[in-house]
Structures are given as structure tokens and as C-alpha cells.
């Protein structure tokens, strides 16, 4: 129902919907509004949540209308979002377990394990709020309204890159990133990208 805001009263607004409706300040927006004066003269959509004909009392809620509208928009957005799609978005927040990306209708989560092919100590080392990123949709949960995204899926897989640049049986030499025996296995996979993996002072070595 649409009505015109005609007055600010204690605790809310008076909205003309053919009769005087009361819109509590706590129900004007999704979050409480402190200054109601800017709403004077504006036309607002709201839902009737209380009606007493005997007292000619009508209570409205614009928040309820906004929440319902958002649910419809989210549902439509999720239905049209398919796993495997590549989307552009903006990082809206960074948390310990990953980063949320605004896809233009809803936020999706890039888990820390999906931020990079390399080990990530904290998501803030890879992305920051406001960054524009390209992500792949991994999963869409319609019931829980959750979107799982991957940043690394849009980047070159270093293992695939290594397989493309080298053939079976080829001998590859590279400096080890660690003196630990357990690191020797990874030195072969890291040979094609020494700058990304080798420690200070290390350098790729050819046959002697």
C-alpha cells in the first residue's frame, strides 16, 4: 500500500493512505532512523500490520514491505545463478574464514581455501574491501540462500601449467624452498614458477 507522509509525530510518521496511518520510527527502514523530517512529503510503500476500525487506528510497516521485496529479489537472483558461471563482483567484507563478494544482488562467500592456489595465512593478504574480482560460482543453496564462490578457479592452475610446460620423463632442476626432506617432493612441481615459491637466496639450477 502506498501513502504520502504528511506529518512527523512522537515515535513515528503519519501517512495518508485514505485515512491516517501511523508508521512507527522503528519500522520506517530496515534499520532504525533517527531523523524523520526528510520523509515529509514522500510517497512510501508499506504494509498494514494492525487495523482497528472502531478506534480508526491503522499501524503500518515499511520495513515489512522492504523485507518481503528483498526476499523476492533474492529468490529471483538465486534461481538465475548457476554453478560454473563466471561473475564479476566487489569484495564487501573480509573475515577470518574468507571474503564476501557482492555480485550485484547478493553476497557470496569465497572460502579462504578458494582464494588462491598458494597457502593463505589470512584473506586480507589476497583481497581487500572494494576490490573488483572475477569469481566462479561453485554452489547455490536455495533453501539457505547461500552462494559459494571461488577466486582461484578463475586463475591458472599451477599444476596444470606445469603439466602443459613439461613432459613425462623430463628432468627438471630447482632449488628447494626448505632444507627439510619433506620439501623435496614439492621442488619438482615448483620448478616452473621459482619466483612464486623459492625462498630468499634460492635460484633455479640447471644440470651441472
Foldseek 3Di string as FASTA:
>chain_A
DKFAFADADPQATWTPPVATATEGQCQPALHGDDDPVVRHGPMADWDWPDQDVVVRYTYTGRHVVVVVVLLVLLLVVLVPDDAFDKAKFFFADFDFQFTWTDRPNDIATEGLPQQAPDHDRGRVVRDDGGDIAIWGWHDADSVVSYTYIHRHVVPDDLQVVLPVVDDPPDDFFFWFQDPDPVRVVCRSSCRVPCVVRHDPPTGTDDDD
